[in-house]
């Protein structure tokens, strides 16, 4: 899966999702620290990427929008997050204009 990772996501999650074979871009490296959420979503959408984030500003966007993989601050373990991302890809779920919440909905 192609994912842009918001700057609020831990390195442990980034490393584990990347190790599972997903193609990641980090907001802090690609767009720069402090990039506006609207720009992140827009660029992710243009690039065909989902947004992995703890930021609830990405929840409830008007369609069309990039897929959002939202983890509340008290999100599940790194292993559960990786498993959820893997399942979304393995099952070929259409991510178009979708929001997936951890833990319910996709973990």
C-alpha atoms as a PDB file:
ATOM      1  CA  UNK A   1       0.000   0.000   0.000  1.00  0.00           C
ATOM      2  CA  UNK A   2       1.187   3.536  -0.724  1.00  0.00           C
ATOM      3  CA  UNK A   3       0.969   5.681   2.395  1.00  0.00           C
ATOM      4  CA  UNK A   4       1.967   9.166   3.486  1.00  0.00           C
ATOM      5  CA  UNK A   5       2.669   9.178   7.212  1.00  0.00           C
ATOM      6  CA  UNK A   6       1.772  12.261   9.214  1.00  0.00           C
ATOM      7  CA  UNK A   7       4.496  13.652  11.434  1.00  0.00           C
ATOM      8  CA  UNK A   8       2.625  12.634  14.601  1.00  0.00           C
ATOM      9  CA  UNK A   9       3.046   8.891  13.948  1.00  0.00           C
ATOM     10  CA  UNK A  10       5.812   7.178  15.914  1.00  0.00           C
ATOM     11  CA  UNK A  11       8.972   5.874  14.314  1.00  0.00           C
ATOM     12  CA  UNK A  12       8.098   2.418  15.671  1.00  0.00           C
ATOM     13  CA  UNK A  13       4.915   2.364  13.558  1.00  0.00           C
ATOM     14  CA  UNK A  14       6.748   3.798  10.535  1.00  0.00           C
ATOM     15  CA  UNK A  15       9.525   1.219  10.732  1.00  0.00           C
ATOM     16  CA  UNK A  16       7.151  -1.708  11.211  1.00  0.00           C
ATOM     17  CA  UNK A  17       4.781  -0.700   8.392  1.00  0.00           C
ATOM     18  CA  UNK A  18       7.737  -0.130   6.069  1.00  0.00           C
ATOM     19  CA  UNK A  19       9.281  -3.489   7.060  1.00  0.00           C
ATOM     20  CA  UNK A  20       5.969  -5.135   6.127  1.00  0.00           C
ATOM     21  CA  UNK A  21       6.572  -3.974   2.563  1.00  0.00           C
ATOM     22  CA  UNK A  22       4.422  -0.858   2.293  1.00  0.00           C
ATOM     23  CA  UNK A  23       5.669   2.182   0.392  1.00  0.00           C
ATOM     24  CA  UNK A  24       5.863   5.107   2.798  1.00  0.00           C
ATOM     25  CA  UNK A  25       6.532   8.798   2.453  1.00  0.00           C
ATOM     26  CA  UNK A  26       6.968  10.782   5.638  1.00  0.00           C
ATOM     27  CA  UNK A  27       5.373  14.225   5.788  1.00  0.00           C
ATOM     28  CA  UNK A  28       8.411  15.582   7.641  1.00  0.00           C
ATOM     29  CA  UNK A  29      10.785  14.409   4.890  1.00  0.00           C
ATOM     30  CA  UNK A  30       8.662  14.897   1.768  1.00  0.00           C
ATOM     31  CA  UNK A  31       6.526  17.965   2.519  1.00  0.00           C
ATOM     32  CA  UNK A  32       8.298  19.479   5.507  1.00  0.00           C
ATOM     33  CA  UNK A  33       7.479  19.773   9.205  1.00  0.00           C
ATOM     34  CA  UNK A  34       4.357  21.789   9.885  1.00  0.00           C
ATOM     35  CA  UNK A  35       2.775  21.263   6.456  1.00  0.00           C
ATOM     36  CA  UNK A  36      -0.923  22.146   6.514  1.00  0.00           C
ATOM     37  CA  UNK A  37      -3.309  19.179   6.763  1.00  0.00           C
ATOM     38  CA  UNK A  38      -5.224  20.288   3.659  1.00  0.00           C
ATOM     39  CA  UNK A  39      -2.022  20.250   1.623  1.00  0.00           C
ATOM     40  CA  UNK A  40      -1.058  16.832   3.004  1.00  0.00           C
ATOM     41  CA  UNK A  41      -4.451  15.375   2.055  1.00  0.00           C
ATOM     42  CA  UNK A  42      -4.409  17.001  -1.363  1.00  0.00           C
ATOM     43  CA  UNK A  43      -0.926  15.774  -2.229  1.00  0.00           C
ATOM     44  CA  UNK A  44      -1.668  12.291  -0.881  1.00  0.00           C
ATOM     45  CA  UNK A  45      -4.789  12.149  -3.029  1.00  0.00           C
ATOM     46  CA  UNK A  46      -2.897  13.289  -6.130  1.00  0.00           C
ATOM     47  CA  UNK A  47      -0.199  10.675  -5.480  1.00  0.00           C
ATOM     48  CA  UNK A  48      -2.689   7.845  -4.828  1.00  0.00           C
ATOM     49  CA  UNK A  49      -1.647   7.458  -1.202  1.00  0.00           C
ATOM     50  CA  UNK A  50      -3.530   6.919   2.036  1.00  0.00           C
ATOM     51  CA  UNK A  51      -2.801   9.173   5.026  1.00  0.00           C
ATOM     52  CA  UNK A  52      -1.764   7.430   8.262  1.00  0.00           C
ATOM     53  CA  UNK A  53      -2.316   9.805  11.175  1.00  0.00           C
ATOM     54  CA  UNK A  54      -3.308  10.480  14.778  1.00  0.00           C
ATOM     55  CA  UNK A  55      -4.754  13.874  13.730  1.00  0.00           C
ATOM     56  CA  UNK A  56      -8.554  13.918  13.779  1.00  0.00           C
ATOM     57  CA  UNK A  57      -8.530  16.910  11.394  1.00  0.00           C
ATOM     58  CA  UNK A  58      -8.388  14.262   8.652  1.00  0.00           C
ATOM     59  CA  UNK A  59     -11.652  12.677   9.821  1.00  0.00           C
ATOM     60  CA  UNK A  60     -14.909  13.805   8.215  1.00  0.00           C
ATOM     61  CA  UNK A  61     -13.445  15.335   5.066  1.00  0.00           C
ATOM     62  CA  UNK A  62     -15.772  15.989   2.157  1.00  0.00           C
ATOM     63  CA  UNK A  63     -15.324  13.599  -0.775  1.00  0.00           C
ATOM     64  CA  UNK A  64     -13.277  13.244  -2.791  1.00  0.00           C
ATOM     65  CA  UNK A  65     -10.356  12.802  -0.426  1.00  0.00           C
ATOM     66  CA  UNK A  66      -7.373  10.552   0.145  1.00  0.00           C
ATOM     67  CA  UNK A  67      -8.064   7.440   2.209  1.00  0.00           C
ATOM     68  CA  UNK A  68      -7.468   8.130   5.904  1.00  0.00           C
ATOM     69  CA  UNK A  69      -6.058   5.550   8.311  1.00  0.00           C
ATOM     70  CA  UNK A  70      -6.812   7.191  11.655  1.00  0.00           C
ATOM     71  CA  UNK A  71      -5.333   6.056  14.959  1.00  0.00           C
ATOM     72  CA  UNK A  72      -6.476   7.791  18.156  1.00  0.00           C
ATOM     73  CA  UNK A  73      -3.629   8.651  20.508  1.00  0.00           C
ATOM     74  CA  UNK A  74      -4.437   5.518  22.529  1.00  0.00           C
ATOM     75  CA  UNK A  75      -4.183   3.363  19.420  1.00  0.00           C
ATOM     76  CA  UNK A  76      -3.443  -0.352  19.514  1.00  0.00           C
ATOM     77  CA  UNK A  77      -0.031  -1.937  19.405  1.00  0.00           C
ATOM     78  CA  UNK A  78       2.345  -1.508  16.498  1.00  0.00           C
ATOM     79  CA  UNK A  79       1.723  -5.143  15.518  1.00  0.00           C
ATOM     80  CA  UNK A  80      -2.035  -4.566  15.308  1.00  0.00           C
ATOM     81  CA  UNK A  81      -1.562  -1.458  13.159  1.00  0.00           C
ATOM     82  CA  UNK A  82       0.713  -3.356  10.760  1.00  0.00           C
ATOM     83  CA  UNK A  83      -1.731  -6.259  10.655  1.00  0.00           C
ATOM     84  CA  UNK A  84      -4.584  -3.896   9.837  1.00  0.00           C
ATOM     85  CA  UNK A  85      -2.679  -2.199   7.005  1.00  0.00           C
ATOM     86  CA  UNK A  86      -1.716  -5.617   5.645  1.00  0.00           C
ATOM     87  CA  UNK A  87      -5.338  -6.803   5.724  1.00  0.00           C
ATOM     88  CA  UNK A  88      -6.599  -3.730   3.881  1.00  0.00           C
ATOM     89  CA  UNK A  89      -4.126  -4.446   1.112  1.00  0.00           C
ATOM     90  CA  UNK A  90      -4.447  -8.247   1.137  1.00  0.00           C
ATOM     91  CA  UNK A  91      -8.236  -8.149   0.878  1.00  0.00           C
ATOM     92  CA  UNK A  92      -8.165  -5.548  -1.898  1.00  0.00           C
ATOM     93  CA  UNK A  93     -10.490  -3.193  -0.027  1.00  0.00           C
ATOM     94  CA  UNK A  94     -11.460  -0.115  -2.058  1.00  0.00           C
ATOM     95  CA  UNK A  95     -10.004   2.781  -0.093  1.00  0.00           C
ATOM     96  CA  UNK A  96     -11.573   5.517  -2.224  1.00  0.00           C
ATOM     97  CA  UNK A  97     -12.817   8.399  -0.033  1.00  0.00           C
ATOM     98  CA  UNK A  98     -12.702   6.076   2.987  1.00  0.00           C
ATOM     99  CA  UNK A  99     -11.780   6.537   6.626  1.00  0.00           C
ATOM    100  CA  UNK A 100     -10.611   3.608   8.702  1.00  0.00           C
ATOM    101  CA  UNK A 101     -10.417   3.883  12.488  1.00  0.00           C
ATOM    102  CA  UNK A 102      -8.109   1.953  14.788  1.00  0.00           C
ATOM    103  CA  UNK A 103      -9.072  -0.130  16.603  1.00  0.00           C
ATOM    104  CA  UNK A 104     -12.591  -0.582  15.228  1.00  0.00           C
ATOM    105  CA  UNK A 105     -13.151  -0.751  11.530  1.00  0.00           C
ATOM    106  CA  UNK A 106      -9.861  -2.165  10.344  1.00  0.00           C
ATOM    107  CA  UNK A 107      -7.667  -3.432  13.188  1.00  0.00           C
END
